[in-house]
Amino acid sequence: MSRVCFDANVLLETVLVRSGKQAADQVLHAAAGEASVSALTGHLLFHFGRRERPLEQLQVFLDEFEILALQAGDFEWAYHNVHNSDFEDALQVSVALRAGCEVFYTFDRNLYAAYKHLPNLTIKLLT
């Protein structure tokens, strides 16, 4: 299995029990042991998840992932490669690239369209 990175929206579909939960759960389960998220995703999970889940439960969920730190070079890449003024998307993709992830899962159609042609990272759109 290749190293996999997840966009924040994938984790939030599961934690907040949204319409994409089943698709998210399926890829999260398949990536067990190889899953990573950026520190930004971790922040977003706690920020939005705390409204519906106790922090302890969110921590247990997040412990299943390798947390990839944000580095200065990630911001540089994002500044130069941002699409549609969505800096958060560019930063997420940058972290996955730097960390050597081979696959990045998202529910975000705009992110998929903007970055699907990257040579070293396969962006997979969940529906």
N, C-alpha and C. Protein backbone atom coordinates (compact mmCIF):
# COMPACT_ATOMS: atom_id res chain seq x y z
N MET A 1 0.84 -1.19 0.00
CA MET A 1 0.00 0.00 0.00
C MET A 1 0.88 1.24 0.00
N SER A 2 0.45 2.26 -0.71
CA SER A 2 1.19 3.51 -0.75
C SER A 2 0.80 4.40 0.41
N ARG A 3 1.66 5.33 0.73
CA ARG A 3 1.37 6.30 1.79
C ARG A 3 0.22 7.20 1.33
N VAL A 4 -0.76 7.37 2.19
CA VAL A 4 -1.99 8.07 1.84
C VAL A 4 -2.19 9.27 2.76
N CYS A 5 -2.66 10.37 2.18
CA CYS A 5 -2.96 11.57 2.94
C CYS A 5 -4.43 11.93 2.70
N PHE A 6 -5.06 12.47 3.73
CA PHE A 6 -6.47 12.80 3.64
C PHE A 6 -6.71 14.28 3.85
N ASP A 7 -7.58 14.83 3.04
CA ASP A 7 -8.06 16.19 3.19
C ASP A 7 -8.94 16.24 4.44
N ALA A 8 -9.04 17.39 5.03
CA ALA A 8 -9.84 17.55 6.25
C ALA A 8 -11.29 17.13 6.03
N ASN A 9 -11.82 17.37 4.85
CA ASN A 9 -13.23 17.06 4.62
C ASN A 9 -13.52 15.57 4.70
N VAL A 10 -12.54 14.72 4.44
CA VAL A 10 -12.76 13.28 4.54
C VAL A 10 -12.97 12.89 6.01
N LEU A 11 -12.11 13.39 6.87
CA LEU A 11 -12.25 13.10 8.29
C LEU A 11 -13.53 13.68 8.86
N LEU A 12 -13.87 14.89 8.42
CA LEU A 12 -15.08 15.54 8.93
C LEU A 12 -16.36 14.83 8.49
N GLU A 13 -16.36 14.21 7.31
CA GLU A 13 -17.53 13.45 6.89
C GLU A 13 -17.81 12.32 7.88
N THR A 14 -16.75 11.69 8.36
CA THR A 14 -16.88 10.59 9.32
C THR A 14 -17.27 11.11 10.70
N VAL A 15 -16.53 12.06 11.21
CA VAL A 15 -16.74 12.55 12.57
C VAL A 15 -18.09 13.24 12.73
N LEU A 16 -18.50 13.98 11.73
CA LEU A 16 -19.76 14.72 11.81
C LEU A 16 -20.94 13.94 11.22
N VAL A 17 -20.70 12.72 10.81
CA VAL A 17 -21.71 11.82 10.25
C VAL A 17 -22.51 12.54 9.15
N ARG A 18 -21.78 12.92 8.12
CA ARG A 18 -22.38 13.59 6.96
C ARG A 18 -22.67 12.57 5.86
N SER A 19 -23.19 13.06 4.74
CA SER A 19 -23.62 12.18 3.65
C SER A 19 -22.48 11.34 3.06
N GLY A 20 -21.25 11.80 3.16
CA GLY A 20 -20.13 11.07 2.61
C GLY A 20 -19.47 10.11 3.58
N LYS A 21 -20.09 9.89 4.72
CA LYS A 21 -19.48 9.06 5.77
C LYS A 21 -19.12 7.67 5.27
N GLN A 22 -19.99 7.02 4.55
CA GLN A 22 -19.73 5.66 4.10
C GLN A 22 -18.50 5.61 3.18
N ALA A 23 -18.42 6.51 2.22
CA ALA A 23 -17.26 6.55 1.32
C ALA A 23 -15.99 6.87 2.10
N ALA A 24 -16.09 7.81 3.03
CA ALA A 24 -14.93 8.18 3.85
C ALA A 24 -14.47 7.01 4.70
N ASP A 25 -15.40 6.35 5.37
CA ASP A 25 -15.05 5.21 6.21
C ASP A 25 -14.35 4.11 5.41
N GLN A 26 -14.81 3.90 4.20
CA GLN A 26 -14.24 2.85 3.36
C GLN A 26 -12.76 3.12 3.04
N VAL A 27 -12.44 4.34 2.62
CA VAL A 27 -11.03 4.63 2.28
C VAL A 27 -10.18 4.77 3.54
N LEU A 28 -10.75 5.27 4.62
CA LEU A 28 -10.00 5.35 5.87
C LEU A 28 -9.64 3.96 6.37
N HIS A 29 -10.57 3.04 6.28
CA HIS A 29 -10.31 1.67 6.71
C HIS A 29 -9.25 1.02 5.81
N ALA A 30 -9.35 1.23 4.51
CA ALA A 30 -8.40 0.64 3.56
C ALA A 30 -6.98 1.17 3.77
N ALA A 31 -6.85 2.39 4.28
CA ALA A 31 -5.54 3.02 4.46
C ALA A 31 -4.99 2.85 5.86
N ALA A 32 -5.64 2.06 6.69
CA ALA A 32 -5.19 1.88 8.07
C ALA A 32 -3.71 1.50 8.10
N GLY A 33 -2.97 2.19 8.93
CA GLY A 33 -1.54 1.96 9.06
C GLY A 33 -0.69 2.75 8.09
N GLU A 34 -1.29 3.33 7.08
CA GLU A 34 -0.57 4.13 6.08
C GLU A 34 -1.13 5.54 5.97
N ALA A 35 -2.06 5.90 6.85
CA ALA A 35 -2.80 7.15 6.73
C ALA A 35 -2.09 8.30 7.42
N SER A 36 -2.12 9.44 6.76
CA SER A 36 -1.55 10.65 7.34
C SER A 36 -2.46 11.84 7.03
N VAL A 37 -2.30 12.88 7.84
CA VAL A 37 -3.01 14.14 7.64
C VAL A 37 -2.04 15.26 8.00
N SER A 38 -2.29 16.41 7.45
CA SER A 38 -1.48 17.57 7.83
C SER A 38 -1.92 18.06 9.20
N ALA A 39 -1.04 18.80 9.85
CA ALA A 39 -1.39 19.41 11.13
C ALA A 39 -2.58 20.35 10.95
N LEU A 40 -2.71 20.94 9.78
CA LEU A 40 -3.86 21.81 9.50
C LEU A 40 -5.16 20.99 9.54
N THR A 41 -5.14 19.80 8.99
CA THR A 41 -6.32 18.93 9.05
C THR A 41 -6.65 18.59 10.50
N GLY A 42 -5.62 18.29 11.29
CA GLY A 42 -5.84 18.02 12.70
C GLY A 42 -6.53 19.18 13.39
N HIS A 43 -6.06 20.38 13.10
CA HIS A 43 -6.69 21.58 13.68
C HIS A 43 -8.15 21.69 13.26
N LEU A 44 -8.41 21.52 11.96
CA LEU A 44 -9.78 21.65 11.46
C LEU A 44 -10.69 20.58 12.05
N LEU A 45 -10.17 19.37 12.24
CA LEU A 45 -10.96 18.31 12.85
C LEU A 45 -11.40 18.71 14.26
N PHE A 46 -10.48 19.24 15.06
CA PHE A 46 -10.84 19.67 16.41
C PHE A 46 -11.75 20.89 16.40
N HIS A 47 -11.47 21.83 15.51
CA HIS A 47 -12.26 23.06 15.44
C HIS A 47 -13.73 22.76 15.14
N PHE A 48 -13.99 21.96 14.11
CA PHE A 48 -15.37 21.68 13.72
C PHE A 48 -15.96 20.48 14.47
N GLY A 49 -15.14 19.52 14.80
CA GLY A 49 -15.63 18.32 15.46
C GLY A 49 -16.07 18.52 16.88
N ARG A 50 -15.46 19.50 17.57
CA ARG A 50 -15.77 19.70 19.00
C ARG A 50 -17.22 20.13 19.23
N ARG A 51 -17.87 20.57 18.19
CA ARG A 51 -19.27 20.97 18.32
C ARG A 51 -20.19 19.76 18.52
N GLU A 52 -19.72 18.59 18.06
CA GLU A 52 -20.56 17.40 18.13
C GLU A 52 -19.92 16.23 18.87
N ARG A 53 -18.63 16.32 19.16
CA ARG A 53 -17.94 15.21 19.82
C ARG A 53 -17.05 15.74 20.93
N PRO A 54 -16.86 14.95 21.98
CA PRO A 54 -15.92 15.36 23.03
C PRO A 54 -14.48 15.36 22.49
N LEU A 55 -13.66 16.26 23.00
CA LEU A 55 -12.28 16.36 22.54
C LEU A 55 -11.54 15.04 22.68
N GLU A 56 -11.81 14.29 23.74
CA GLU A 56 -11.13 13.01 23.95
C GLU A 56 -11.44 12.04 22.81
N GLN A 57 -12.68 12.04 22.36
CA GLN A 57 -13.08 11.15 21.26
C GLN A 57 -12.38 11.57 19.96
N LEU A 58 -12.27 12.86 19.73
CA LEU A 58 -11.56 13.35 18.55
C LEU A 58 -10.09 12.98 18.60
N GLN A 59 -9.51 13.05 19.79
CA GLN A 59 -8.10 12.70 19.94
C GLN A 59 -7.87 11.22 19.63
N VAL A 60 -8.72 10.36 20.11
CA VAL A 60 -8.61 8.93 19.83
C VAL A 60 -8.70 8.69 18.32
N PHE A 61 -9.63 9.37 17.67
CA PHE A 61 -9.78 9.24 16.22
C PHE A 61 -8.51 9.72 15.50
N LEU A 62 -8.02 10.87 15.89
CA LEU A 62 -6.84 11.45 15.22
C LEU A 62 -5.57 10.65 15.50
N ASP A 63 -5.52 9.94 16.60
CA ASP A 63 -4.34 9.12 16.92
C ASP A 63 -4.09 8.03 15.89
N GLU A 64 -5.06 7.74 15.05
CA GLU A 64 -4.91 6.72 14.01
C GLU A 64 -4.09 7.21 12.82
N PHE A 65 -3.75 8.50 12.81
CA PHE A 65 -3.07 9.10 11.66
C PHE A 65 -1.69 9.61 12.05
N GLU A 66 -0.78 9.57 11.09
CA GLU A 66 0.48 10.28 11.26
C GLU A 66 0.18 11.75 10.98
N ILE A 67 0.57 12.61 11.90
CA ILE A 67 0.35 14.05 11.72
C ILE A 67 1.58 14.64 11.05
N LEU A 68 1.39 15.23 9.89
CA LEU A 68 2.48 15.82 9.12
C LEU A 68 2.56 17.32 9.45
N ALA A 69 3.69 17.72 9.98
CA ALA A 69 3.90 19.11 10.38
C ALA A 69 3.89 20.03 9.16
N LEU A 70 3.50 21.27 9.40
CA LEU A 70 3.60 22.31 8.37
C LEU A 70 5.00 22.89 8.43
N GLN A 71 5.63 23.05 7.27
CA GLN A 71 6.96 23.61 7.21
C GLN A 71 6.97 24.83 6.29
N ALA A 72 7.98 25.66 6.44
CA ALA A 72 8.07 26.89 5.65
C ALA A 72 7.99 26.59 4.15
N GLY A 73 8.64 25.54 3.71
CA GLY A 73 8.61 25.19 2.29
C GLY A 73 7.22 24.84 1.79
N ASP A 74 6.38 24.33 2.67
CA ASP A 74 4.99 24.03 2.29
C ASP A 74 4.25 25.32 1.94
N PHE A 75 4.50 26.35 2.72
CA PHE A 75 3.86 27.64 2.46
C PHE A 75 4.38 28.22 1.15
N GLU A 76 5.67 28.10 0.89
CA GLU A 76 6.24 28.59 -0.36
C GLU A 76 5.60 27.91 -1.56
N TRP A 77 5.50 26.57 -1.51
CA TRP A 77 4.89 25.83 -2.60
C TRP A 77 3.45 26.30 -2.78
N ALA A 78 2.73 26.42 -1.69
CA ALA A 78 1.33 26.84 -1.76
C ALA A 78 1.18 28.24 -2.35
N TYR A 79 2.07 29.18 -1.97
CA TYR A 79 2.01 30.54 -2.53
C TYR A 79 2.10 30.50 -4.05
N HIS A 80 2.97 29.63 -4.57
CA HIS A 80 3.24 29.59 -6.01
C HIS A 80 2.30 28.68 -6.79
N ASN A 81 1.53 27.88 -6.12
CA ASN A 81 0.67 26.91 -6.80
C ASN A 81 -0.80 26.99 -6.42
N VAL A 82 -1.18 28.03 -5.72
CA VAL A 82 -2.57 28.17 -5.29
C VAL A 82 -3.48 28.35 -6.51
N HIS A 83 -4.66 27.71 -6.45
CA HIS A 83 -5.67 27.84 -7.49
C HIS A 83 -6.94 28.38 -6.85
N ASN A 84 -7.62 29.24 -7.57
CA ASN A 84 -8.92 29.77 -7.13
C ASN A 84 -8.85 30.43 -5.75
N SER A 85 -7.72 30.99 -5.40
CA SER A 85 -7.51 31.68 -4.13
C SER A 85 -7.76 30.79 -2.91
N ASP A 86 -7.72 29.47 -3.09
CA ASP A 86 -7.95 28.56 -1.98
C ASP A 86 -6.60 28.10 -1.42
N PHE A 87 -6.04 28.92 -0.57
CA PHE A 87 -4.71 28.66 -0.02
C PHE A 87 -4.71 27.40 0.85
N GLU A 88 -5.79 27.15 1.56
CA GLU A 88 -5.85 25.95 2.42
C GLU A 88 -5.68 24.69 1.58
N ASP A 89 -6.33 24.62 0.42
CA ASP A 89 -6.16 23.46 -0.46
C ASP A 89 -4.72 23.31 -0.90
N ALA A 90 -4.12 24.41 -1.34
CA ALA A 90 -2.73 24.36 -1.80
C ALA A 90 -1.80 23.91 -0.68
N LEU A 91 -2.04 24.37 0.52
CA LEU A 91 -1.20 24.00 1.65
C LEU A 91 -1.35 22.51 1.98
N GLN A 92 -2.56 22.00 1.94
CA GLN A 92 -2.79 20.58 2.19
C GLN A 92 -2.04 19.72 1.17
N VAL A 93 -2.15 20.08 -0.10
CA VAL A 93 -1.48 19.33 -1.16
C VAL A 93 0.03 19.43 -1.01
N SER A 94 0.52 20.59 -0.68
CA SER A 94 1.95 20.80 -0.50
C SER A 94 2.52 19.88 0.58
N VAL A 95 1.85 19.78 1.69
CA VAL A 95 2.30 18.92 2.79
C VAL A 95 2.35 17.47 2.32
N ALA A 96 1.32 17.03 1.62
CA ALA A 96 1.28 15.65 1.13
C ALA A 96 2.43 15.38 0.16
N LEU A 97 2.70 16.32 -0.72
CA LEU A 97 3.81 16.17 -1.66
C LEU A 97 5.15 16.06 -0.94
N ARG A 98 5.41 16.98 -0.05
CA ARG A 98 6.68 16.99 0.67
C ARG A 98 6.89 15.72 1.48
N ALA A 99 5.81 15.20 2.05
CA ALA A 99 5.90 14.01 2.89
C ALA A 99 6.05 12.72 2.07
N GLY A 100 5.96 12.84 0.77
CA GLY A 100 6.12 11.67 -0.08
C GLY A 100 4.86 10.81 -0.20
N CYS A 101 3.73 11.40 0.09
CA CYS A 101 2.48 10.66 -0.07
C CYS A 101 2.25 10.42 -1.56
N GLU A 102 1.65 9.30 -1.86
CA GLU A 102 1.37 8.96 -3.24
C GLU A 102 -0.07 9.24 -3.63
N VAL A 103 -0.95 9.24 -2.62
CA VAL A 103 -2.38 9.44 -2.86
C VAL A 103 -2.92 10.46 -1.87
N PHE A 104 -3.82 11.32 -2.35
CA PHE A 104 -4.48 12.32 -1.52
C PHE A 104 -5.97 12.22 -1.79
N TYR A 105 -6.75 11.89 -0.77
CA TYR A 105 -8.20 11.76 -0.90
C TYR A 105 -8.90 13.04 -0.47
N THR A 106 -9.95 13.40 -1.23
CA THR A 106 -10.72 14.59 -0.93
C THR A 106 -12.15 14.45 -1.44
N PHE A 107 -13.06 15.20 -0.87
CA PHE A 107 -14.41 15.36 -1.40
C PHE A 107 -14.52 16.67 -2.18
N ASP A 108 -13.49 17.45 -2.20
CA ASP A 108 -13.49 18.79 -2.78
C ASP A 108 -13.24 18.73 -4.30
N ARG A 109 -14.28 18.97 -5.06
CA ARG A 109 -14.17 18.91 -6.53
C ARG A 109 -13.20 19.97 -7.08
N ASN A 110 -13.19 21.14 -6.47
CA ASN A 110 -12.28 22.19 -6.93
C ASN A 110 -10.82 21.82 -6.68
N LEU A 111 -10.54 21.25 -5.52
CA LEU A 111 -9.18 20.80 -5.23
C LEU A 111 -8.77 19.73 -6.24
N TYR A 112 -9.66 18.78 -6.47
CA TYR A 112 -9.38 17.71 -7.43
C TYR A 112 -9.06 18.30 -8.81
N ALA A 113 -9.90 19.19 -9.29
CA ALA A 113 -9.69 19.77 -10.62
C ALA A 113 -8.38 20.56 -10.69
N ALA A 114 -8.04 21.25 -9.64
CA ALA A 114 -6.85 22.10 -9.64
C ALA A 114 -5.55 21.29 -9.59
N TYR A 115 -5.55 20.17 -8.90
CA TYR A 115 -4.29 19.46 -8.64
C TYR A 115 -4.23 18.04 -9.19
N LYS A 116 -5.22 17.62 -9.96
CA LYS A 116 -5.27 16.23 -10.44
C LYS A 116 -4.14 15.87 -11.40
N HIS A 117 -3.47 16.84 -11.95
CA HIS A 117 -2.41 16.56 -12.92
C HIS A 117 -1.00 16.59 -12.32
N LEU A 118 -0.89 16.64 -11.01
CA LEU A 118 0.44 16.63 -10.39
C LEU A 118 1.13 15.31 -10.69
N PRO A 119 2.39 15.35 -11.06
CA PRO A 119 3.07 14.10 -11.44
C PRO A 119 3.39 13.16 -10.28
N ASN A 120 3.56 13.68 -9.08
CA ASN A 120 4.00 12.84 -7.97
C ASN A 120 2.94 12.57 -6.91
N LEU A 121 1.71 12.98 -7.18
CA LEU A 121 0.64 12.79 -6.21
C LEU A 121 -0.67 12.54 -6.96
N THR A 122 -1.29 11.42 -6.67
CA THR A 122 -2.59 11.11 -7.27
C THR A 122 -3.68 11.66 -6.37
N ILE A 123 -4.49 12.57 -6.91
CA ILE A 123 -5.61 13.13 -6.16
C ILE A 123 -6.83 12.27 -6.51
N LYS A 124 -7.48 11.74 -5.48
CA LYS A 124 -8.66 10.91 -5.68
C LYS A 124 -9.87 11.62 -5.10
N LEU A 125 -10.86 11.80 -5.96
CA LEU A 125 -12.10 12.48 -5.57
C LEU A 125 -13.11 11.45 -5.08
N LEU A 126 -13.56 11.63 -3.86
CA LEU A 126 -14.59 10.78 -3.29
C LEU A 126 -15.95 11.40 -3.59
N THR A 127 -16.94 10.56 -3.76
CA THR A 127 -18.30 11.06 -4.04
C THR A 127 -19.29 10.37 -3.13
